[in-house]
Protein backbone atom coordinates (compact mmCIF):
# COMPACT_ATOMS: atom_id res chain seq x y z
CA UNK A 1 -63.72 -114.85 35.09
CA UNK A 2 -60.28 -114.16 35.10
CA UNK A 3 -58.44 -111.35 37.35
CA UNK A 4 -55.13 -110.18 36.80
CA UNK A 5 -53.97 -108.19 39.93
CA UNK A 6 -50.75 -106.21 40.49
CA UNK A 7 -48.41 -104.78 42.91
CA UNK A 8 -45.35 -103.95 44.45
CA UNK A 9 -44.51 -100.64 42.65
CA UNK A 10 -43.28 -98.01 44.16
CA UNK A 11 -41.08 -95.07 44.02
CA UNK A 12 -37.34 -96.46 44.31
CA UNK A 13 -34.16 -94.35 43.52
CA UNK A 14 -31.77 -95.46 40.94
CA UNK A 15 -29.54 -98.12 41.95
CA UNK A 16 -32.43 -99.48 43.49
CA UNK A 17 -34.47 -102.40 43.74
CA UNK A 18 -38.23 -103.41 43.21
CA UNK A 19 -40.06 -106.74 43.43
CA UNK A 20 -43.70 -106.88 41.15
CA UNK A 21 -46.34 -109.57 41.77
CA UNK A 22 -48.78 -111.30 39.95
CA UNK A 23 -51.54 -112.95 41.15
CA UNK A 24 -53.91 -114.53 38.12
CA UNK A 25 -57.73 -115.71 40.54
CA UNK A 26 -59.73 -117.64 38.18
CA UNK A 27 -61.74 -121.07 38.86
CA UNK A 28 -60.25 -123.68 36.21
CA UNK A 29 -58.01 -121.66 34.71
CA UNK A 30 -54.31 -123.30 34.10
CA UNK A 31 -51.88 -120.45 33.08
CA UNK A 32 -49.73 -121.38 30.60
CA UNK A 33 -47.77 -118.64 30.41
CA UNK A 34 -46.95 -114.91 32.16
CA UNK A 35 -45.64 -112.05 30.98
CA UNK A 36 -44.24 -108.37 31.76
CA UNK A 37 -45.21 -105.22 30.23
CA UNK A 38 -44.49 -101.75 30.47
CA UNK A 39 -45.85 -98.31 28.94
CA UNK A 40 -44.21 -95.09 29.98
CA UNK A 41 -45.60 -92.01 28.93
CA UNK A 42 -45.61 -91.25 25.25
CA UNK A 43 -44.18 -94.38 24.33
CA UNK A 44 -45.99 -98.02 22.99
CA UNK A 45 -46.28 -100.74 25.30
CA UNK A 46 -43.53 -103.08 25.37
CA UNK A 47 -42.79 -106.36 26.53
CA UNK A 48 -39.99 -106.58 30.00
CA UNK A 49 -40.27 -110.42 30.07
CA UNK A 50 -42.56 -113.42 30.17
CA UNK A 51 -42.12 -117.40 31.99
CA UNK A 52 -44.02 -120.42 30.04
CA UNK A 53 -45.23 -123.20 32.14
CA UNK A 54 -41.92 -124.81 32.10
CA UNK A 55 -40.16 -121.99 33.62
CA UNK A 56 -37.98 -120.99 30.56
CA UNK A 57 -38.14 -116.81 31.01
CA UNK A 58 -37.22 -114.52 28.11
CA UNK A 59 -36.27 -110.75 28.50
CA UNK A 60 -36.25 -107.44 27.07
CA UNK A 61 -32.64 -106.35 26.46
CA UNK A 62 -33.17 -103.87 28.74
CA UNK A 63 -33.77 -106.10 31.32
CA UNK A 64 -30.95 -108.72 30.82
CA UNK A 65 -28.91 -109.21 33.94
CA UNK A 66 -31.04 -107.09 35.93
CA UNK A 67 -34.23 -108.37 35.89
CA UNK A 68 -35.44 -112.09 37.15
CA UNK A 69 -38.41 -113.15 36.50
CA UNK A 70 -40.30 -116.42 37.71
CA UNK A 71 -43.54 -118.26 38.95
CA UNK A 72 -44.43 -119.40 42.36
CA UNK A 73 -44.71 -123.64 41.84
CA UNK A 74 -48.41 -124.85 41.52
CA UNK A 75 -49.90 -121.45 41.72
CA UNK A 76 -51.03 -118.96 39.00
CA UNK A 77 -48.38 -116.31 41.23
CA UNK A 78 -45.49 -114.79 39.25
CA UNK A 79 -43.14 -112.20 40.38
CA UNK A 80 -40.60 -109.92 38.30
CA UNK A 81 -37.43 -108.89 40.51
CA UNK A 82 -36.39 -105.39 39.49
CA UNK A 83 -33.17 -104.11 40.36
CA UNK A 84 -30.22 -101.34 39.56
CA UNK A 85 -32.94 -99.44 38.25
CA UNK A 86 -33.02 -96.05 36.06
CA UNK A 87 -34.71 -93.00 35.45
CA UNK A 88 -35.71 -95.00 32.44
CA UNK A 89 -37.40 -97.75 34.11
CA UNK A 90 -40.24 -95.66 35.38
CA UNK A 91 -43.65 -97.01 33.83
CA UNK A 92 -46.62 -98.37 34.17
CA UNK A 93 -45.93 -102.37 34.59
CA UNK A 94 -48.82 -104.99 33.70
CA UNK A 95 -49.36 -108.80 34.00
CA UNK A 96 -50.33 -110.77 30.49
CA UNK A 97 -51.81 -113.80 31.71
CA UNK A 98 -52.52 -116.37 28.64
CA UNK A 99 -53.86 -119.79 29.62
CA UNK A 100 -56.60 -122.33 28.99
CA UNK A 101 -60.34 -122.93 30.97
CA UNK A 102 -61.37 -125.99 29.31
CA UNK A 103 -60.81 -126.05 25.65
CA UNK A 104 -60.52 -122.78 25.29
CA UNK A 105 -57.43 -120.37 25.04
CA UNK A 106 -58.24 -117.52 27.24
CA UNK A 107 -55.58 -114.19 27.62
CA UNK A 108 -56.11 -111.50 30.02
CA UNK A 109 -54.96 -107.85 31.21
CA UNK A 110 -54.27 -106.83 34.74
CA UNK A 111 -54.59 -102.95 36.04
CA UNK A 112 -50.56 -102.80 36.26
CA UNK A 113 -48.78 -100.68 38.73
CA UNK A 114 -46.69 -97.57 38.61
CA UNK A 115 -42.87 -97.69 38.82
CA UNK A 116 -41.21 -94.46 39.36
CA UNK A 117 -37.52 -94.46 39.43
CA UNK A 118 -36.34 -91.42 40.72
CA UNK A 119 -33.75 -89.28 43.55
């Protein structure tokens, strides 16, 4: 069984920073890609950033230059560093892990962590 657990969400003032973490727990699960998505009230969930096993990051336009995604080498752990946060970044941030258990492709979502940007 694969478990994805996010942490690090908090209430922060505009201009502040947060570092979100994602831990993927499962025996024999090889994570190929780790992505962060977010969903604000009344809006559709959308991609924030993603990173592959080879370490190539991609970002949504709103996060480029402010957000940085990373993965711990050899570990099923990833992070999303968010700087210069704006009220529009308020949302539930979810981690999505894609990989394999044996020959089977597997993807799994976490429950999410709340980020609130407000003065």
